[in-house]
Amino acid sequence: MDDSREDTEGWSDIRQTLKRLAEITILYDKNGIDLHFVSGQADLRSVLRSQNMEVILDAFDRNTPPPSDLISLFHKVDKLLSNYVQRFERARDKAERCGLELDFTNLNLIILTDGRSLLNDMGFKELKRIIYEWAQKLDNLYAPVGQVGMQFVLIGGSEEAWKKVKELDNKLHLHGKRTTR
């Protein structure tokens, strides 16, 4: 592991949180969990057992930028939501054509962050725009309310980062046509 990361305040907290979240989510996902890294190419797919934790942590270490690299989340979130919504729409259309009931796995994104990328105002505005646009697209497709879930896990973030995460959560329901709250 890169020495500059070991000395960074909270680095081990982020690794431990990732490990614990992966251990828990593996228990609840019969297809296995997928891990996507903002700055890396080596995504992990269908991790089924907690015995693979060293593989997960190794991928985390290889794909996480040093603390000096402030990378926005919006590109990765946009890509993940775009791919998912496109697959959902194709599955929905196929089910309608065949007269079948749609059976499509929900997407639950758990975004683990130290919050620094949320402090970049332009990046945060873009992240909000993307999340709200995809929420509206799902709404327009009449996706079930819980089709996509998104949870930010903030490790050691500033008060400003906490406020921004809360703002995202509190205003998300305002961006669809079929408000359910």
N, C-alpha and C. Protein backbone atom coordinates (compact mmCIF):
# COMPACT_ATOMS: atom_id res chain seq x y z
N MET A 1 0.84 -1.18 0.00
CA MET A 1 0.00 0.00 0.00
C MET A 1 0.88 1.24 0.00
N ASP A 2 0.48 2.29 -0.65
CA ASP A 2 1.18 3.55 -0.76
C ASP A 2 1.37 4.16 0.63
N ASP A 3 2.62 4.50 0.99
CA ASP A 3 2.90 5.04 2.31
C ASP A 3 2.17 6.35 2.58
N SER A 4 1.97 7.18 1.55
CA SER A 4 1.28 8.45 1.77
C SER A 4 -0.15 8.23 2.23
N ARG A 5 -0.74 7.10 1.88
CA ARG A 5 -2.10 6.82 2.32
C ARG A 5 -2.13 6.32 3.76
N GLU A 6 -1.12 5.53 4.14
CA GLU A 6 -1.10 4.98 5.49
C GLU A 6 -1.08 6.07 6.54
N ASP A 7 -0.38 7.16 6.24
CA ASP A 7 -0.24 8.24 7.20
C ASP A 7 -1.43 9.19 7.19
N THR A 8 -2.29 9.07 6.23
CA THR A 8 -3.40 9.99 6.10
C THR A 8 -4.44 9.70 7.17
N GLU A 9 -4.86 10.78 7.81
CA GLU A 9 -5.88 10.64 8.84
C GLU A 9 -7.14 10.01 8.25
N GLY A 10 -7.61 8.95 8.87
CA GLY A 10 -8.85 8.33 8.45
C GLY A 10 -8.71 7.25 7.39
N TRP A 11 -7.50 7.07 6.80
CA TRP A 11 -7.34 6.08 5.74
C TRP A 11 -7.72 4.69 6.24
N SER A 12 -7.23 4.31 7.41
CA SER A 12 -7.56 2.98 7.93
C SER A 12 -9.04 2.89 8.28
N ASP A 13 -9.65 4.01 8.69
CA ASP A 13 -11.09 4.02 8.96
C ASP A 13 -11.89 3.73 7.69
N ILE A 14 -11.45 4.31 6.57
CA ILE A 14 -12.14 4.08 5.31
C ILE A 14 -12.00 2.61 4.90
N ARG A 15 -10.80 2.05 5.02
CA ARG A 15 -10.59 0.63 4.68
C ARG A 15 -11.45 -0.27 5.57
N GLN A 16 -11.49 0.02 6.86
CA GLN A 16 -12.27 -0.80 7.79
C GLN A 16 -13.76 -0.69 7.51
N THR A 17 -14.21 0.51 7.17
CA THR A 17 -15.62 0.69 6.84
C THR A 17 -15.97 -0.07 5.58
N LEU A 18 -15.12 0.01 4.56
CA LEU A 18 -15.35 -0.76 3.33
C LEU A 18 -15.42 -2.24 3.64
N LYS A 19 -14.49 -2.72 4.44
CA LYS A 19 -14.47 -4.15 4.79
C LYS A 19 -15.77 -4.55 5.48
N ARG A 20 -16.20 -3.77 6.46
CA ARG A 20 -17.41 -4.11 7.21
C ARG A 20 -18.67 -4.03 6.33
N LEU A 21 -18.76 -2.98 5.52
CA LEU A 21 -19.91 -2.86 4.62
C LEU A 21 -19.96 -4.02 3.63
N ALA A 22 -18.80 -4.39 3.09
CA ALA A 22 -18.76 -5.51 2.15
C ALA A 22 -19.19 -6.80 2.83
N GLU A 23 -18.69 -7.03 4.04
CA GLU A 23 -19.07 -8.25 4.77
C GLU A 23 -20.59 -8.32 4.99
N ILE A 24 -21.18 -7.19 5.33
CA ILE A 24 -22.62 -7.15 5.58
C ILE A 24 -23.41 -7.33 4.29
N THR A 25 -23.05 -6.57 3.25
CA THR A 25 -23.84 -6.62 2.01
C THR A 25 -23.72 -7.95 1.31
N ILE A 26 -22.59 -8.61 1.44
CA ILE A 26 -22.43 -9.94 0.85
C ILE A 26 -23.48 -10.90 1.40
N LEU A 27 -23.84 -10.73 2.67
CA LEU A 27 -24.84 -11.60 3.29
C LEU A 27 -26.23 -11.45 2.66
N TYR A 28 -26.52 -10.28 2.09
CA TYR A 28 -27.86 -9.99 1.61
C TYR A 28 -28.03 -10.01 0.10
N ASP A 29 -26.97 -10.22 -0.63
CA ASP A 29 -27.07 -10.20 -2.09
C ASP A 29 -26.71 -11.56 -2.64
N LYS A 30 -27.72 -12.31 -3.06
CA LYS A 30 -27.49 -13.68 -3.53
C LYS A 30 -26.66 -13.74 -4.82
N ASN A 31 -26.62 -12.63 -5.57
CA ASN A 31 -25.83 -12.58 -6.80
C ASN A 31 -24.42 -12.08 -6.56
N GLY A 32 -24.12 -11.67 -5.35
CA GLY A 32 -22.81 -11.10 -5.05
C GLY A 32 -22.83 -9.59 -5.23
N ILE A 33 -21.88 -8.94 -4.62
CA ILE A 33 -21.80 -7.49 -4.71
C ILE A 33 -20.80 -7.10 -5.78
N ASP A 34 -21.01 -5.92 -6.35
CA ASP A 34 -20.08 -5.34 -7.31
C ASP A 34 -19.45 -4.13 -6.63
N LEU A 35 -18.15 -3.97 -6.81
CA LEU A 35 -17.46 -2.80 -6.29
C LEU A 35 -16.91 -2.02 -7.47
N HIS A 36 -17.20 -0.73 -7.47
CA HIS A 36 -16.74 0.16 -8.53
C HIS A 36 -15.91 1.26 -7.88
N PHE A 37 -14.79 1.57 -8.48
CA PHE A 37 -13.89 2.56 -7.93
C PHE A 37 -13.86 3.78 -8.83
N VAL A 38 -13.97 4.96 -8.23
CA VAL A 38 -14.04 6.20 -8.99
C VAL A 38 -12.82 6.35 -9.89
N SER A 39 -11.65 6.08 -9.37
CA SER A 39 -10.43 6.38 -10.12
C SER A 39 -9.78 5.17 -10.75
N GLY A 40 -10.39 4.02 -10.62
CA GLY A 40 -9.72 2.81 -11.10
C GLY A 40 -10.47 2.10 -12.20
N GLN A 41 -9.79 1.20 -12.81
CA GLN A 41 -10.37 0.40 -13.88
C GLN A 41 -10.75 -1.00 -13.40
N ALA A 42 -10.25 -1.42 -12.27
CA ALA A 42 -10.41 -2.81 -11.83
C ALA A 42 -11.62 -2.98 -10.93
N ASP A 43 -12.81 -2.83 -11.50
CA ASP A 43 -14.02 -3.07 -10.72
C ASP A 43 -14.11 -4.55 -10.38
N LEU A 44 -14.72 -4.85 -9.26
CA LEU A 44 -14.93 -6.24 -8.85
C LEU A 44 -16.41 -6.56 -9.02
N ARG A 45 -16.70 -7.71 -9.59
CA ARG A 45 -18.09 -8.09 -9.84
C ARG A 45 -18.42 -9.41 -9.15
N SER A 46 -19.63 -9.48 -8.64
CA SER A 46 -20.20 -10.70 -8.08
C SER A 46 -19.35 -11.33 -6.98
N VAL A 47 -18.88 -10.50 -6.05
CA VAL A 47 -18.16 -11.02 -4.89
C VAL A 47 -19.20 -11.66 -3.98
N LEU A 48 -19.06 -12.96 -3.75
CA LEU A 48 -20.08 -13.71 -3.03
C LEU A 48 -19.74 -14.06 -1.59
N ARG A 49 -18.48 -14.10 -1.26
CA ARG A 49 -18.11 -14.57 0.08
C ARG A 49 -17.17 -13.59 0.76
N SER A 50 -17.31 -13.49 2.07
CA SER A 50 -16.45 -12.58 2.81
C SER A 50 -15.00 -13.06 2.83
N GLN A 51 -14.75 -14.30 2.43
CA GLN A 51 -13.37 -14.77 2.32
C GLN A 51 -12.61 -14.00 1.25
N ASN A 52 -13.32 -13.33 0.38
CA ASN A 52 -12.70 -12.54 -0.68
C ASN A 52 -12.32 -11.14 -0.20
N MET A 53 -12.35 -10.92 1.11
CA MET A 53 -12.12 -9.58 1.64
C MET A 53 -10.73 -9.06 1.30
N GLU A 54 -9.72 -9.89 1.30
CA GLU A 54 -8.38 -9.42 0.94
C GLU A 54 -8.35 -8.97 -0.52
N VAL A 55 -9.09 -9.64 -1.38
CA VAL A 55 -9.18 -9.23 -2.78
C VAL A 55 -9.83 -7.84 -2.86
N ILE A 56 -10.88 -7.65 -2.07
CA ILE A 56 -11.57 -6.35 -2.06
C ILE A 56 -10.64 -5.26 -1.56
N LEU A 57 -9.96 -5.50 -0.45
CA LEU A 57 -9.08 -4.47 0.10
C LEU A 57 -7.89 -4.20 -0.81
N ASP A 58 -7.38 -5.23 -1.47
CA ASP A 58 -6.29 -5.04 -2.42
C ASP A 58 -6.76 -4.18 -3.59
N ALA A 59 -7.96 -4.45 -4.10
CA ALA A 59 -8.50 -3.64 -5.20
C ALA A 59 -8.72 -2.20 -4.74
N PHE A 60 -9.16 -2.02 -3.51
CA PHE A 60 -9.34 -0.68 -2.95
C PHE A 60 -8.01 0.06 -2.92
N ASP A 61 -6.98 -0.60 -2.43
CA ASP A 61 -5.66 0.04 -2.35
C ASP A 61 -5.12 0.40 -3.73
N ARG A 62 -5.34 -0.44 -4.72
CA ARG A 62 -4.83 -0.19 -6.07
C ARG A 62 -5.63 0.87 -6.81
N ASN A 63 -6.89 1.05 -6.45
CA ASN A 63 -7.77 1.91 -7.24
C ASN A 63 -8.15 3.21 -6.56
N THR A 64 -7.67 3.46 -5.39
CA THR A 64 -8.02 4.67 -4.69
C THR A 64 -6.89 5.67 -4.84
N PRO A 65 -7.23 6.89 -5.22
CA PRO A 65 -6.18 7.89 -5.43
C PRO A 65 -5.56 8.34 -4.11
N PRO A 66 -4.35 8.83 -4.16
CA PRO A 66 -3.78 9.42 -2.95
C PRO A 66 -4.63 10.60 -2.50
N PRO A 67 -4.53 10.98 -1.24
CA PRO A 67 -5.38 12.05 -0.71
C PRO A 67 -5.28 13.36 -1.47
N SER A 68 -4.18 13.62 -2.16
CA SER A 68 -4.04 14.90 -2.87
C SER A 68 -4.90 14.95 -4.13
N ASP A 69 -5.37 13.81 -4.62
CA ASP A 69 -6.20 13.78 -5.83
C ASP A 69 -7.67 13.91 -5.46
N LEU A 70 -8.24 15.09 -5.71
CA LEU A 70 -9.65 15.31 -5.41
C LEU A 70 -10.46 15.00 -6.66
N ILE A 71 -11.05 13.84 -6.68
CA ILE A 71 -11.80 13.38 -7.85
C ILE A 71 -13.28 13.46 -7.57
N SER A 72 -14.04 14.04 -8.50
CA SER A 72 -15.48 14.12 -8.34
C SER A 72 -16.11 12.76 -8.56
N LEU A 73 -17.19 12.53 -7.88
CA LEU A 73 -17.92 11.28 -8.01
C LEU A 73 -18.85 11.26 -9.22
N PHE A 74 -19.18 12.43 -9.73
CA PHE A 74 -20.30 12.48 -10.67
C PHE A 74 -20.08 11.67 -11.93
N HIS A 75 -18.86 11.56 -12.43
CA HIS A 75 -18.64 10.77 -13.64
C HIS A 75 -18.97 9.29 -13.41
N LYS A 76 -18.50 8.76 -12.29
CA LYS A 76 -18.74 7.34 -12.00
C LYS A 76 -20.21 7.09 -11.70
N VAL A 77 -20.84 7.96 -10.91
CA VAL A 77 -22.26 7.79 -10.59
C VAL A 77 -23.09 7.87 -11.86
N ASP A 78 -22.76 8.81 -12.74
CA ASP A 78 -23.48 8.94 -14.00
C ASP A 78 -23.35 7.67 -14.83
N LYS A 79 -22.16 7.14 -14.93
CA LYS A 79 -21.93 5.92 -15.72
C LYS A 79 -22.71 4.74 -15.13
N LEU A 80 -22.65 4.57 -13.82
CA LEU A 80 -23.35 3.46 -13.18
C LEU A 80 -24.86 3.58 -13.36
N LEU A 81 -25.41 4.78 -13.14
CA LEU A 81 -26.85 4.96 -13.28
C LEU A 81 -27.29 4.85 -14.73
N SER A 82 -26.50 5.38 -15.64
CA SER A 82 -26.83 5.29 -17.06
C SER A 82 -26.92 3.84 -17.51
N ASN A 83 -25.90 3.06 -17.17
CA ASN A 83 -25.90 1.63 -17.55
C ASN A 83 -27.08 0.89 -16.94
N TYR A 84 -27.35 1.16 -15.67
CA TYR A 84 -28.43 0.47 -14.99
C TYR A 84 -29.79 0.83 -15.59
N VAL A 85 -30.03 2.12 -15.79
CA VAL A 85 -31.33 2.56 -16.32
C VAL A 85 -31.54 2.03 -17.73
N GLN A 86 -30.50 2.01 -18.54
CA GLN A 86 -30.63 1.45 -19.89
C GLN A 86 -31.01 -0.03 -19.84
N ARG A 87 -30.36 -0.78 -18.95
CA ARG A 87 -30.69 -2.21 -18.81
C ARG A 87 -32.12 -2.39 -18.29
N PHE A 88 -32.51 -1.55 -17.33
CA PHE A 88 -33.86 -1.60 -16.78
C PHE A 88 -34.89 -1.34 -17.89
N GLU A 89 -34.65 -0.31 -18.69
CA GLU A 89 -35.59 0.05 -19.75
C GLU A 89 -35.72 -1.08 -20.77
N ARG A 90 -34.60 -1.68 -21.16
CA ARG A 90 -34.66 -2.80 -22.11
C ARG A 90 -35.43 -3.98 -21.52
N ALA A 91 -35.18 -4.29 -20.26
CA ALA A 91 -35.88 -5.40 -19.61
C ALA A 91 -37.37 -5.11 -19.48
N ARG A 92 -37.70 -3.87 -19.15
CA ARG A 92 -39.11 -3.48 -19.03
C ARG A 92 -39.81 -3.60 -20.38
N ASP A 93 -39.17 -3.10 -21.44
CA ASP A 93 -39.75 -3.17 -22.78
C ASP A 93 -39.94 -4.63 -23.22
N LYS A 94 -38.96 -5.47 -22.95
CA LYS A 94 -39.05 -6.88 -23.32
C LYS A 94 -40.19 -7.56 -22.55
N ALA A 95 -40.29 -7.27 -21.26
CA ALA A 95 -41.36 -7.86 -20.45
C ALA A 95 -42.73 -7.44 -20.99
N GLU A 96 -42.87 -6.17 -21.37
CA GLU A 96 -44.14 -5.69 -21.92
C GLU A 96 -44.46 -6.37 -23.25
N ARG A 97 -43.47 -6.50 -24.12
CA ARG A 97 -43.69 -7.15 -25.42
C ARG A 97 -44.10 -8.61 -25.26
N CYS A 98 -43.53 -9.26 -24.27
CA CYS A 98 -43.80 -10.69 -24.08
C CYS A 98 -44.96 -10.95 -23.12
N GLY A 99 -45.54 -9.89 -22.59
CA GLY A 99 -46.66 -10.05 -21.67
C GLY A 99 -46.24 -10.65 -20.33
N LEU A 100 -45.00 -10.40 -19.93
CA LEU A 100 -44.48 -10.95 -18.67
C LEU A 100 -44.40 -9.85 -17.62
N GLU A 101 -44.31 -10.28 -16.38
CA GLU A 101 -44.09 -9.33 -15.30
C GLU A 101 -42.60 -9.03 -15.23
N LEU A 102 -42.26 -7.78 -15.03
CA LEU A 102 -40.87 -7.37 -14.96
C LEU A 102 -40.25 -7.87 -13.66
N ASP A 103 -39.14 -8.56 -13.77
CA ASP A 103 -38.38 -9.02 -12.62
C ASP A 103 -36.95 -8.54 -12.83
N PHE A 104 -36.63 -7.39 -12.26
CA PHE A 104 -35.33 -6.78 -12.48
C PHE A 104 -34.73 -6.41 -11.13
N THR A 105 -33.51 -6.83 -10.88
CA THR A 105 -32.85 -6.61 -9.61
C THR A 105 -32.67 -5.13 -9.31
N ASN A 106 -32.98 -4.76 -8.08
CA ASN A 106 -32.78 -3.37 -7.64
C ASN A 106 -31.29 -3.05 -7.59
N LEU A 107 -31.00 -1.78 -7.69
CA LEU A 107 -29.63 -1.31 -7.56
C LEU A 107 -29.53 -0.52 -6.26
N ASN A 108 -28.58 -0.89 -5.45
CA ASN A 108 -28.32 -0.16 -4.21
C ASN A 108 -26.87 0.30 -4.25
N LEU A 109 -26.69 1.59 -4.41
CA LEU A 109 -25.35 2.17 -4.42
C LEU A 109 -24.99 2.63 -3.02
N ILE A 110 -23.87 2.17 -2.53
CA ILE A 110 -23.33 2.66 -1.27
C ILE A 110 -22.05 3.38 -1.64
N ILE A 111 -22.06 4.69 -1.46
CA ILE A 111 -20.94 5.51 -1.87
C ILE A 111 -20.14 5.88 -0.63
N LEU A 112 -18.95 5.31 -0.56
CA LEU A 112 -18.06 5.52 0.57
C LEU A 112 -17.12 6.66 0.22
N THR A 113 -17.12 7.71 1.04
CA THR A 113 -16.32 8.89 0.74
C THR A 113 -15.84 9.57 2.02
N ASP A 114 -14.74 10.31 1.88
CA ASP A 114 -14.29 11.14 2.99
C ASP A 114 -14.91 12.53 2.90
N GLY A 115 -15.70 12.75 1.85
CA GLY A 115 -16.45 13.99 1.70
C GLY A 115 -15.74 15.10 0.97
N ARG A 116 -14.43 14.96 0.72
CA ARG A 116 -13.71 16.06 0.08
C ARG A 116 -14.24 16.34 -1.33
N SER A 117 -14.61 15.30 -2.06
CA SER A 117 -15.11 15.53 -3.42
C SER A 117 -16.45 16.26 -3.41
N LEU A 118 -17.17 16.20 -2.29
CA LEU A 118 -18.45 16.90 -2.18
C LEU A 118 -18.26 18.39 -1.92
N LEU A 119 -17.06 18.78 -1.49
CA LEU A 119 -16.81 20.17 -1.16
C LEU A 119 -16.51 21.03 -2.38
N ASN A 120 -16.23 20.40 -3.50
CA ASN A 120 -16.03 21.11 -4.75
C ASN A 120 -17.42 21.51 -5.24
N ASP A 121 -17.73 22.80 -5.19
CA ASP A 121 -19.09 23.25 -5.49
C ASP A 121 -19.56 22.87 -6.89
N MET A 122 -18.69 23.02 -7.90
CA MET A 122 -19.11 22.69 -9.26
C MET A 122 -19.33 21.18 -9.38
N GLY A 123 -18.45 20.38 -8.80
CA GLY A 123 -18.62 18.94 -8.83
C GLY A 123 -19.86 18.49 -8.09
N PHE A 124 -20.16 19.14 -6.97
CA PHE A 124 -21.35 18.78 -6.20
C PHE A 124 -22.62 19.13 -6.96
N LYS A 125 -22.63 20.28 -7.61
CA LYS A 125 -23.80 20.66 -8.42
C LYS A 125 -24.02 19.66 -9.55
N GLU A 126 -22.93 19.22 -10.16
CA GLU A 126 -23.04 18.25 -11.24
C GLU A 126 -23.53 16.90 -10.71
N LEU A 127 -23.04 16.48 -9.55
CA LEU A 127 -23.49 15.24 -8.93
C LEU A 127 -24.99 15.31 -8.64
N LYS A 128 -25.44 16.42 -8.06
CA LYS A 128 -26.88 16.59 -7.79
C LYS A 128 -27.68 16.51 -9.08
N ARG A 129 -27.23 17.22 -10.11
CA ARG A 129 -27.95 17.24 -11.38
C ARG A 129 -28.09 15.83 -11.94
N ILE A 130 -27.01 15.09 -11.92
CA ILE A 130 -27.01 13.74 -12.47
C ILE A 130 -27.95 12.83 -11.68
N ILE A 131 -27.85 12.87 -10.38
CA ILE A 131 -28.71 12.03 -9.54
C ILE A 131 -30.18 12.38 -9.77
N TYR A 132 -30.49 13.67 -9.80
CA TYR A 132 -31.87 14.09 -9.99
C TYR A 132 -32.38 13.72 -11.38
N GLU A 133 -31.54 13.88 -12.40
CA GLU A 133 -31.96 13.52 -13.76
C GLU A 133 -32.27 12.03 -13.87
N TRP A 134 -31.41 11.18 -13.30
CA TRP A 134 -31.65 9.74 -13.39
C TRP A 134 -32.86 9.33 -12.56
N ALA A 135 -33.08 10.01 -11.44
CA ALA A 135 -34.29 9.73 -10.64
C ALA A 135 -35.53 10.06 -11.45
N GLN A 136 -35.51 11.17 -12.15
CA GLN A 136 -36.65 11.55 -12.98
C GLN A 136 -36.84 10.58 -14.14
N LYS A 137 -35.74 10.13 -14.73
CA LYS A 137 -35.83 9.16 -15.83
C LYS A 137 -36.48 7.87 -15.33
N LEU A 138 -36.06 7.38 -14.18
CA LEU A 138 -36.67 6.18 -13.60
C LEU A 138 -38.15 6.41 -13.32
N ASP A 139 -38.46 7.58 -12.83
CA ASP A 139 -39.84 7.93 -12.55
C ASP A 139 -40.66 7.91 -13.84
N ASN A 140 -40.10 8.47 -14.91
CA ASN A 140 -40.79 8.48 -16.20
C ASN A 140 -40.97 7.08 -16.78
N LEU A 141 -40.11 6.16 -16.37
CA LEU A 141 -40.21 4.76 -16.81
C LEU A 141 -41.15 3.96 -15.90
N TYR A 142 -41.75 4.62 -14.94
CA TYR A 142 -42.63 3.98 -13.96
C TYR A 142 -41.93 2.86 -13.21
N ALA A 143 -40.67 3.10 -12.90
CA ALA A 143 -39.92 2.13 -12.09
C ALA A 143 -40.49 2.14 -10.68
N PRO A 144 -40.48 1.00 -10.02
CA PRO A 144 -40.94 0.97 -8.62
C PRO A 144 -40.12 1.97 -7.78
N VAL A 145 -40.74 2.50 -6.77
CA VAL A 145 -40.11 3.53 -5.95
C VAL A 145 -38.75 3.10 -5.42
N GLY A 146 -38.58 1.88 -5.03
CA GLY A 146 -37.30 1.42 -4.47
C GLY A 146 -36.36 0.79 -5.48
N GLN A 147 -36.55 1.05 -6.75
CA GLN A 147 -35.73 0.40 -7.78
C GLN A 147 -34.25 0.73 -7.63
N VAL A 148 -33.96 1.97 -7.29
CA VAL A 148 -32.57 2.39 -7.07
C VAL A 148 -32.49 3.05 -5.71
N GLY A 149 -31.53 2.61 -4.94
CA GLY A 149 -31.25 3.23 -3.65
C GLY A 149 -29.83 3.77 -3.67
N MET A 150 -29.62 4.84 -2.95
CA MET A 150 -28.30 5.44 -2.90
C MET A 150 -28.03 5.89 -1.48
N GLN A 151 -26.91 5.45 -0.95
CA GLN A 151 -26.54 5.80 0.41
C GLN A 151 -25.11 6.32 0.40
N PHE A 152 -24.91 7.50 0.93
CA PHE A 152 -23.57 8.03 1.10
C PHE A 152 -23.09 7.67 2.49
N VAL A 153 -21.91 7.08 2.58
CA VAL A 153 -21.28 6.79 3.87
C VAL A 153 -20.09 7.73 3.97
N LEU A 154 -20.21 8.68 4.86
CA LEU A 154 -19.21 9.72 5.01
C LEU A 154 -18.29 9.36 6.17
N ILE A 155 -17.01 9.19 5.86
CA ILE A 155 -16.03 8.82 6.88
C ILE A 155 -15.21 10.05 7.23
N GLY A 156 -15.41 10.55 8.44
CA GLY A 156 -14.61 11.68 8.90
C GLY A 156 -14.79 12.96 8.11
N GLY A 157 -15.92 13.12 7.46
CA GLY A 157 -16.14 14.31 6.65
C GLY A 157 -16.41 15.55 7.49
N SER A 158 -16.27 16.68 6.86
CA SER A 158 -16.51 17.96 7.52
C SER A 158 -18.01 18.18 7.70
N GLU A 159 -18.35 19.14 8.51
CA GLU A 159 -19.76 19.51 8.72
C GLU A 159 -20.39 19.95 7.40
N GLU A 160 -19.63 20.65 6.56
CA GLU A 160 -20.14 21.09 5.26
C GLU A 160 -20.47 19.90 4.36
N ALA A 161 -19.61 18.88 4.38
CA ALA A 161 -19.88 17.67 3.58
C ALA A 161 -21.13 16.96 4.08
N TRP A 162 -21.30 16.89 5.41
CA TRP A 162 -22.50 16.27 5.97
C TRP A 162 -23.76 17.01 5.52
N LYS A 163 -23.70 18.34 5.52
CA LYS A 163 -24.86 19.14 5.09
C LYS A 163 -25.20 18.87 3.63
N LYS A 164 -24.18 18.72 2.80
CA LYS A 164 -24.42 18.48 1.37
C LYS A 164 -25.05 17.11 1.14
N VAL A 165 -24.59 16.11 1.87
CA VAL A 165 -25.19 14.77 1.75
C VAL A 165 -26.65 14.82 2.18
N LYS A 166 -26.91 15.50 3.26
CA LYS A 166 -28.29 15.63 3.75
C LYS A 166 -29.16 16.38 2.73
N GLU A 167 -28.61 17.41 2.10
CA GLU A 167 -29.34 18.16 1.06
C GLU A 167 -29.71 17.24 -0.10
N LEU A 168 -28.76 16.42 -0.55
CA LEU A 168 -29.05 15.47 -1.63
C LEU A 168 -30.22 14.58 -1.25
N ASP A 169 -30.16 14.03 -0.06
CA ASP A 169 -31.18 13.09 0.39
C ASP A 169 -32.54 13.78 0.55
N ASN A 170 -32.54 14.95 1.15
CA ASN A 170 -33.80 15.64 1.43
C ASN A 170 -34.52 16.14 0.18
N LYS A 171 -33.78 16.46 -0.87
CA LYS A 171 -34.39 17.06 -2.05
C LYS A 171 -34.61 16.07 -3.19
N LEU A 172 -34.14 14.87 -3.06
CA LEU A 172 -34.24 13.91 -4.16
C LEU A 172 -35.69 13.67 -4.56
N HIS A 173 -36.56 13.52 -3.60
CA HIS A 173 -37.97 13.21 -3.91
C HIS A 173 -38.68 14.34 -4.64
N LEU A 174 -38.12 15.53 -4.68
CA LEU A 174 -38.75 16.65 -5.37
C LEU A 174 -38.52 16.63 -6.87
N HIS A 175 -37.68 15.73 -7.37
CA HIS A 175 -37.27 15.78 -8.76
C HIS A 175 -37.96 14.76 -9.65
N GLY A 176 -38.96 14.10 -9.18
CA GLY A 176 -39.73 13.19 -10.00
C GLY A 176 -41.14 13.71 -10.19
N LYS A 177 -41.84 13.17 -11.16
CA LYS A 177 -43.22 13.61 -11.41
C LYS A 177 -44.19 12.88 -10.48
N ARG A 178 -43.81 11.68 -10.07
CA ARG A 178 -44.70 10.88 -9.23
C ARG A 178 -44.20 10.92 -7.80
N THR A 179 -44.22 12.06 -7.16
CA THR A 179 -43.73 12.19 -5.80
C THR A 179 -44.52 11.25 -4.90
N THR A 180 -43.79 10.47 -4.10
CA THR A 180 -44.44 9.46 -3.27
C THR A 180 -44.31 9.76 -1.78
N ARG A 181 -43.62 10.78 -1.43
CA ARG A 181 -43.45 11.08 0.00
C ARG A 181 -44.58 11.93 0.51
